[in-house]
Amino acid sequence: MRTIRRFAGVAVIGGLTAAALVGCGPAPWESGTAPTASPTSTSTSVPTPVPNDLSGGSTQRQLVAGAVTATIDYWSTLTMDKWTADAIKPVSIAMSTTVVPDDGQKVYLQRATMTAVPSTPAGALTPLAVQTDTAAVSPGYLVLSPYSYSQTFNVGPVPEEATFVTLQFAYDFLVQTTPTSSEYAKQTATDTITVALSR
């Protein structure tokens, strides 16, 4: 009886060992095939969108220069899909001002300038020639509300690689020191708008 029990125990252990070996199978390095790596996802760079201050058709700014506050509207009669590198691109402005304290003195615009700077995502390119509108009357154009000033500047052709244009504006004002004075204080306001170019 003891001999039979020993053989039976050996048979059971041997069977479990065989089953374990069958379940495991050969190791990958023994079969000659390397395990396949799971594919990794690659990210594609998305171009940074170019801001466009005229995307809604127009934009309005309020600029403060000393006692003068200028309200300026910018727009273009050329639709944004036609703002291409080689096109002549008009930018119109309309301006009026207020002064604080308002003691009856007047505000005049002596000069308005625009500099167009074409740019790429890598940086600015060579600016176009500065455009200047200097008042043809002395001491300047009356811009104290309800009087206003309007002008259209043209952005000429820019390099083909440019993706947007930065328009830098400067406005020189003369403010009467008193309502009856022929002496004036000069104030300068600057502004910048960005317009995307259509490809």
C-alpha atoms as a PDB file:
ATOM      1  CA  MET A   1       0.000   0.000   0.000  1.00  0.00           C
ATOM      2  CA  ARG A   2       2.795   2.406   0.789  1.00  0.00           C
ATOM      3  CA  THR A   3       4.487   1.700  -2.551  1.00  0.00           C
ATOM      4  CA  ILE A   4       1.291   2.439  -4.471  1.00  0.00           C
ATOM      5  CA  ARG A   5       0.778   5.728  -2.656  1.00  0.00           C
ATOM      6  CA  ARG A   6       4.321   6.838  -3.503  1.00  0.00           C
ATOM      7  CA  PHE A   7       3.888   6.102  -7.220  1.00  0.00           C
ATOM      8  CA  ALA A   8       0.533   7.833  -7.277  1.00  0.00           C
ATOM      9  CA  GLY A   9       2.029  10.937  -5.710  1.00  0.00           C
ATOM     10  CA  VAL A  10       4.833  10.996  -8.249  1.00  0.00           C
ATOM     11  CA  ALA A  11       2.411  10.637 -11.112  1.00  0.00           C
ATOM     12  CA  VAL A  12       0.349  13.596  -9.946  1.00  0.00           C
ATOM     13  CA  ILE A  13       3.389  15.848  -9.532  1.00  0.00           C
ATOM     14  CA  GLY A  14       4.753  14.839 -12.925  1.00  0.00           C
ATOM     15  CA  GLY A  15       1.429  15.616 -14.550  1.00  0.00           C
ATOM     16  CA  LEU A  16       1.300  19.087 -12.996  1.00  0.00           C
ATOM     17  CA  THR A  17       4.851  19.800 -14.110  1.00  0.00           C
ATOM     18  CA  ALA A  18       4.072  18.803 -17.690  1.00  0.00           C
ATOM     19  CA  ALA A  19       0.946  20.934 -17.726  1.00  0.00           C
ATOM     20  CA  ALA A  20       2.878  23.934 -16.437  1.00  0.00           C
ATOM     21  CA  LEU A  21       5.496  23.583 -19.153  1.00  0.00           C
ATOM     22  CA  VAL A  22       2.897  23.311 -21.899  1.00  0.00           C
ATOM     23  CA  GLY A  23       1.100  26.421 -20.653  1.00  0.00           C
ATOM     24  CA  CYS A  24       4.206  28.605 -20.549  1.00  0.00           C
ATOM     25  CA  GLY A  25       5.490  27.918 -24.045  1.00  0.00           C
ATOM     26  CA  PRO A  26       8.962  28.914 -25.306  1.00  0.00           C
ATOM     27  CA  ALA A  27      10.541  32.193 -24.219  1.00  0.00           C
ATOM     28  CA  PRO A  28      10.657  34.907 -26.926  1.00  0.00           C
ATOM     29  CA  TRP A  29      14.467  34.855 -27.103  1.00  0.00           C
ATOM     30  CA  GLU A  30      14.388  31.085 -27.682  1.00  0.00           C
ATOM     31  CA  SER A  31      11.956  31.221 -30.603  1.00  0.00           C
ATOM     32  CA  GLY A  32      14.094  33.665 -32.582  1.00  0.00           C
ATOM     33  CA  THR A  33      11.321  36.270 -32.905  1.00  0.00           C
ATOM     34  CA  ALA A  34      11.561  39.585 -31.075  1.00  0.00           C
ATOM     35  CA  PRO A  35       8.464  41.030 -29.431  1.00  0.00           C
ATOM     36  CA  THR A  36       6.783  43.699 -31.534  1.00  0.00           C
ATOM     37  CA  ALA A  37       6.690  47.199 -30.102  1.00  0.00           C
ATOM     38  CA  SER A  38       3.346  48.931 -29.914  1.00  0.00           C
ATOM     39  CA  PRO A  39       3.095  51.905 -32.301  1.00  0.00           C
ATOM     40  CA  THR A  40       3.651  55.304 -30.762  1.00  0.00           C
ATOM     41  CA  SER A  41       1.533  58.287 -31.717  1.00  0.00           C
ATOM     42  CA  THR A  42       3.380  61.127 -33.436  1.00  0.00           C
ATOM     43  CA  SER A  43       2.304  64.722 -32.904  1.00  0.00           C
ATOM     44  CA  THR A  44       2.057  67.109 -35.854  1.00  0.00           C
ATOM     45  CA  SER A  45       2.777  70.775 -35.274  1.00  0.00           C
ATOM     46  CA  VAL A  46      -0.238  73.010 -35.834  1.00  0.00           C
ATOM     47  CA  PRO A  47       0.556  76.500 -37.188  1.00  0.00           C
ATOM     48  CA  THR A  48      -0.076  79.261 -34.679  1.00  0.00           C
ATOM     49  CA  PRO A  49      -3.089  81.289 -35.825  1.00  0.00           C
ATOM     50  CA  VAL A  50      -2.283  84.855 -36.822  1.00  0.00           C
ATOM     51  CA  PRO A  51      -4.225  87.523 -34.926  1.00  0.00           C
ATOM     52  CA  ASN A  52      -6.302  89.835 -37.094  1.00  0.00           C
ATOM     53  CA  ASP A  53      -7.656  93.079 -35.647  1.00  0.00           C
ATOM     54  CA  LEU A  54      -9.808  93.602 -38.748  1.00  0.00           C
ATOM     55  CA  SER A  55     -11.282  90.088 -38.859  1.00  0.00           C
ATOM     56  CA  GLY A  56     -14.665  91.549 -37.863  1.00  0.00           C
ATOM     57  CA  GLY A  57     -14.440  94.215 -40.568  1.00  0.00           C
ATOM     58  CA  SER A  58     -13.326  97.047 -38.262  1.00  0.00           C
ATOM     59  CA  THR A  59     -11.902  97.811 -34.845  1.00  0.00           C
ATOM     60  CA  GLN A  60     -12.053 100.796 -32.501  1.00  0.00           C
ATOM     61  CA  ARG A  61      -9.373 102.065 -30.131  1.00  0.00           C
ATOM     62  CA  GLN A  62      -9.203 104.742 -27.462  1.00  0.00           C
ATOM     63  CA  LEU A  63      -5.816 106.386 -27.055  1.00  0.00           C
ATOM     64  CA  VAL A  64      -4.849 108.739 -24.229  1.00  0.00           C
ATOM     65  CA  ALA A  65      -2.136 111.347 -24.724  1.00  0.00           C
ATOM     66  CA  GLY A  66      -1.928 113.757 -21.804  1.00  0.00           C
ATOM     67  CA  ALA A  67      -5.229 115.639 -21.562  1.00  0.00           C
ATOM     68  CA  VAL A  68      -6.377 114.291 -24.955  1.00  0.00           C
ATOM     69  CA  THR A  69      -8.418 111.122 -25.479  1.00  0.00           C
ATOM     70  CA  ALA A  70      -8.709 110.049 -29.121  1.00  0.00           C
ATOM     71  CA  THR A  71     -11.344 107.596 -30.322  1.00  0.00           C
ATOM     72  CA  ILE A  72     -10.215 105.986 -33.583  1.00  0.00           C
ATOM     73  CA  ASP A  73     -12.032 103.589 -35.916  1.00  0.00           C
ATOM     74  CA  TYR A  74      -9.999 101.435 -38.330  1.00  0.00           C
ATOM     75  CA  TRP A  75     -11.437  99.504 -41.278  1.00  0.00           C
ATOM     76  CA  SER A  76     -10.654  98.394 -44.826  1.00  0.00           C
ATOM     77  CA  THR A  77     -12.779  98.535 -47.950  1.00  0.00           C
ATOM     78  CA  LEU A  78     -10.856  95.482 -49.180  1.00  0.00           C
ATOM     79  CA  THR A  79     -12.251  92.212 -47.812  1.00  0.00           C
ATOM     80  CA  MET A  80      -9.847  90.119 -45.751  1.00  0.00           C
ATOM     81  CA  ASP A  81      -9.706  87.281 -48.305  1.00  0.00           C
ATOM     82  CA  LYS A  82      -8.162  89.787 -50.742  1.00  0.00           C
ATOM     83  CA  TRP A  83      -5.464  90.968 -48.339  1.00  0.00           C
ATOM     84  CA  THR A  84      -2.768  89.113 -50.225  1.00  0.00           C
ATOM     85  CA  ALA A  85       0.950  89.845 -50.243  1.00  0.00           C
ATOM     86  CA  ASP A  86       0.952  91.453 -53.703  1.00  0.00           C
ATOM     87  CA  ALA A  87      -2.269  93.494 -53.339  1.00  0.00           C
ATOM     88  CA  ILE A  88      -2.633  97.193 -52.560  1.00  0.00           C
ATOM     89  CA  LYS A  89      -4.387  97.061 -49.172  1.00  0.00           C
ATOM     90  CA  PRO A  90      -6.252 100.206 -48.009  1.00  0.00           C
ATOM     91  CA  VAL A  91      -6.684 101.022 -44.314  1.00  0.00           C
ATOM     92  CA  SER A  92      -9.067 103.831 -43.405  1.00  0.00           C
ATOM     93  CA  ILE A  93      -9.213 105.724 -40.119  1.00  0.00           C
ATOM     94  CA  ALA A  94     -11.734 108.102 -38.567  1.00  0.00           C
ATOM     95  CA  MET A  95     -10.842 110.047 -35.413  1.00  0.00           C
ATOM     96  CA  SER A  96     -12.320 112.517 -32.965  1.00  0.00           C
ATOM     97  CA  THR A  97     -11.012 113.668 -29.595  1.00  0.00           C
ATOM     98  CA  THR A  98     -12.066 114.986 -26.214  1.00  0.00           C
ATOM     99  CA  VAL A  99      -9.988 116.954 -23.717  1.00  0.00           C
ATOM    100  CA  VAL A 100     -10.016 116.998 -19.920  1.00  0.00           C
ATOM    101  CA  PRO A 101     -10.563 119.425 -18.363  1.00  0.00           C
ATOM    102  CA  ASP A 102     -12.715 120.852 -21.125  1.00  0.00           C
ATOM    103  CA  ASP A 103     -12.319 124.601 -20.596  1.00  0.00           C
ATOM    104  CA  GLY A 104     -13.062 125.517 -24.190  1.00  0.00           C
ATOM    105  CA  GLN A 105      -9.598 124.932 -25.648  1.00  0.00           C
ATOM    106  CA  LYS A 106      -9.348 123.225 -29.019  1.00  0.00           C
ATOM    107  CA  VAL A 107      -7.415 120.114 -30.118  1.00  0.00           C
ATOM    108  CA  TYR A 108      -5.701 119.923 -33.507  1.00  0.00           C
ATOM    109  CA  LEU A 109      -4.098 117.017 -35.343  1.00  0.00           C
ATOM    110  CA  GLN A 110      -0.753 118.187 -36.663  1.00  0.00           C
ATOM    111  CA  ARG A 111       0.424 114.934 -38.231  1.00  0.00           C
ATOM    112  CA  ALA A 112      -0.586 111.274 -38.708  1.00  0.00           C
ATOM    113  CA  THR A 113       1.863 108.580 -39.810  1.00  0.00           C
ATOM    114  CA  MET A 114       1.604 104.887 -40.627  1.00  0.00           C
ATOM    115  CA  THR A 115       4.433 102.358 -40.937  1.00  0.00           C
ATOM    116  CA  ALA A 116       3.613  98.914 -42.295  1.00  0.00           C
ATOM    117  CA  VAL A 117       5.867  96.076 -41.098  1.00  0.00           C
ATOM    118  CA  PRO A 118       5.396  92.718 -42.884  1.00  0.00           C
ATOM    119  CA  SER A 119       6.207  89.712 -40.710  1.00  0.00           C
ATOM    120  CA  THR A 120       6.491  85.925 -40.660  1.00  0.00           C
ATOM    121  CA  PRO A 121       6.222  83.589 -37.652  1.00  0.00           C
ATOM    122  CA  ALA A 122      10.023  83.831 -37.452  1.00  0.00           C
ATOM    123  CA  GLY A 123      10.035  87.614 -37.089  1.00  0.00           C
ATOM    124  CA  ALA A 124       9.639  91.004 -38.755  1.00  0.00           C
ATOM    125  CA  LEU A 125      10.801  91.756 -42.291  1.00  0.00           C
ATOM    126  CA  THR A 126      11.917  95.099 -43.733  1.00  0.00           C
ATOM    127  CA  PRO A 127       9.313  97.818 -43.043  1.00  0.00           C
ATOM    128  CA  LEU A 128       7.650  99.609 -45.941  1.00  0.00           C
ATOM    129  CA  ALA A 129       8.194 103.335 -46.421  1.00  0.00           C
ATOM    130  CA  VAL A 130       6.566 105.527 -43.763  1.00  0.00           C
ATOM    131  CA  GLN A 131       3.386 107.262 -44.935  1.00  0.00           C
ATOM    132  CA  THR A 132       2.692 110.709 -43.474  1.00  0.00           C
ATOM    133  CA  ASP A 133      -0.275 113.064 -43.588  1.00  0.00           C
ATOM    134  CA  THR A 134       0.846 116.485 -42.366  1.00  0.00           C
ATOM    135  CA  ALA A 135      -1.807 119.138 -41.833  1.00  0.00           C
ATOM    136  CA  ALA A 136      -1.973 121.621 -44.700  1.00  0.00           C
ATOM    137  CA  VAL A 137      -3.363 124.303 -42.374  1.00  0.00           C
ATOM    138  CA  SER A 138      -1.969 125.846 -39.214  1.00  0.00           C
ATOM    139  CA  PRO A 139      -2.027 124.843 -36.403  1.00  0.00           C
ATOM    140  CA  GLY A 140      -3.546 121.563 -37.719  1.00  0.00           C
ATOM    141  CA  TYR A 141      -6.813 119.782 -38.408  1.00  0.00           C
ATOM    142  CA  LEU A 142      -9.480 120.461 -35.796  1.00  0.00           C
ATOM    143  CA  VAL A 143     -10.345 117.075 -34.254  1.00  0.00           C
ATOM    144  CA  LEU A 144     -12.169 118.086 -31.070  1.00  0.00           C
ATOM    145  CA  SER A 145     -15.602 116.400 -31.066  1.00  0.00           C
ATOM    146  CA  PRO A 146     -17.943 116.923 -32.892  1.00  0.00           C
ATOM    147  CA  TYR A 147     -15.252 117.610 -35.517  1.00  0.00           C
ATOM    148  CA  SER A 148     -13.328 114.627 -36.846  1.00  0.00           C
ATOM    149  CA  TYR A 149     -10.467 113.563 -39.084  1.00  0.00           C
ATOM    150  CA  SER A 150     -10.493 110.783 -41.674  1.00  0.00           C
ATOM    151  CA  GLN A 151      -7.794 109.401 -43.922  1.00  0.00           C
ATOM    152  CA  THR A 152      -6.931 106.286 -45.932  1.00  0.00           C
ATOM    153  CA  PHE A 153      -3.433 104.815 -46.025  1.00  0.00           C
ATOM    154  CA  ASN A 154      -2.407 102.089 -48.473  1.00  0.00           C
ATOM    155  CA  VAL A 155      -0.273  99.081 -47.583  1.00  0.00           C
ATOM    156  CA  GLY A 156       1.718  98.187 -50.678  1.00  0.00           C
ATOM    157  CA  PRO A 157       3.006  94.786 -51.829  1.00  0.00           C
ATOM    158  CA  VAL A 158       5.024  92.832 -49.256  1.00  0.00           C
ATOM    159  CA  PRO A 159       7.283  89.756 -49.564  1.00  0.00           C
ATOM    160  CA  GLU A 160       5.437  86.565 -50.482  1.00  0.00           C
ATOM    161  CA  GLU A 161       6.550  84.786 -47.316  1.00  0.00           C
ATOM    162  CA  ALA A 162       4.861  87.369 -45.060  1.00  0.00           C
ATOM    163  CA  THR A 163       1.849  86.026 -43.160  1.00  0.00           C
ATOM    164  CA  PHE A 164       0.697  89.259 -41.497  1.00  0.00           C
ATOM    165  CA  VAL A 165       1.316  92.998 -41.437  1.00  0.00           C
ATOM    166  CA  THR A 166       1.721  95.142 -38.326  1.00  0.00           C
ATOM    167  CA  LEU A 167       0.513  98.711 -38.847  1.00  0.00           C
ATOM    168  CA  GLN A 168       2.157 101.238 -36.539  1.00  0.00           C
ATOM    169  CA  PHE A 169       0.343 104.567 -36.224  1.00  0.00           C
ATOM    170  CA  ALA A 170       1.481 107.812 -34.593  1.00  0.00           C
ATOM    171  CA  TYR A 171      -0.664 110.924 -34.059  1.00  0.00           C
ATOM    172  CA  ASP A 172       0.711 114.347 -33.080  1.00  0.00           C
ATOM    173  CA  PHE A 173      -1.810 116.652 -31.412  1.00  0.00           C
ATOM    174  CA  LEU A 174      -1.613 120.345 -30.529  1.00  0.00           C
ATOM    175  CA  VAL A 175      -3.758 121.476 -27.596  1.00  0.00           C
ATOM    176  CA  GLN A 176      -4.477 125.115 -26.849  1.00  0.00           C
ATOM    177  CA  THR A 177      -3.153 126.105 -23.440  1.00  0.00           C
ATOM    178  CA  THR A 178      -6.226 128.350 -22.989  1.00  0.00           C
ATOM    179  CA  PRO A 179      -9.331 128.870 -25.152  1.00  0.00           C
ATOM    180  CA  THR A 180      -7.998 132.155 -26.543  1.00  0.00           C
ATOM    181  CA  SER A 181      -4.283 131.310 -26.567  1.00  0.00           C
ATOM    182  CA  SER A 182      -2.056 131.023 -29.603  1.00  0.00           C
ATOM    183  CA  GLU A 183       0.246 128.744 -27.593  1.00  0.00           C
ATOM    184  CA  TYR A 184      -0.076 125.000 -27.798  1.00  0.00           C
ATOM    185  CA  ALA A 185       1.024 121.873 -25.974  1.00  0.00           C
ATOM    186  CA  LYS A 186       2.061 118.919 -28.103  1.00  0.00           C
ATOM    187  CA  GLN A 187       0.852 115.391 -27.283  1.00  0.00           C
ATOM    188  CA  THR A 188       1.631 112.206 -29.211  1.00  0.00           C
ATOM    189  CA  ALA A 189      -0.415 108.996 -29.239  1.00  0.00           C
ATOM    190  CA  THR A 190       0.685 105.707 -30.828  1.00  0.00           C
ATOM    191  CA  ASP A 191      -1.241 102.613 -31.797  1.00  0.00           C
ATOM    192  CA  THR A 192      -0.616  99.246 -33.465  1.00  0.00           C
ATOM    193  CA  ILE A 193      -2.999  96.943 -35.288  1.00  0.00           C
ATOM    194  CA  THR A 194      -2.252  93.565 -36.860  1.00  0.00           C
ATOM    195  CA  VAL A 195      -3.833  92.297 -40.072  1.00  0.00           C
ATOM    196  CA  ALA A 196      -3.423  88.722 -41.336  1.00  0.00           C
ATOM    197  CA  LEU A 197      -2.545  88.111 -44.980  1.00  0.00           C
ATOM    198  CA  SER A 198      -4.558  85.692 -47.107  1.00  0.00           C
ATOM    199  CA  ARG A 199      -2.585  82.911 -48.779  1.00  0.00           C
END
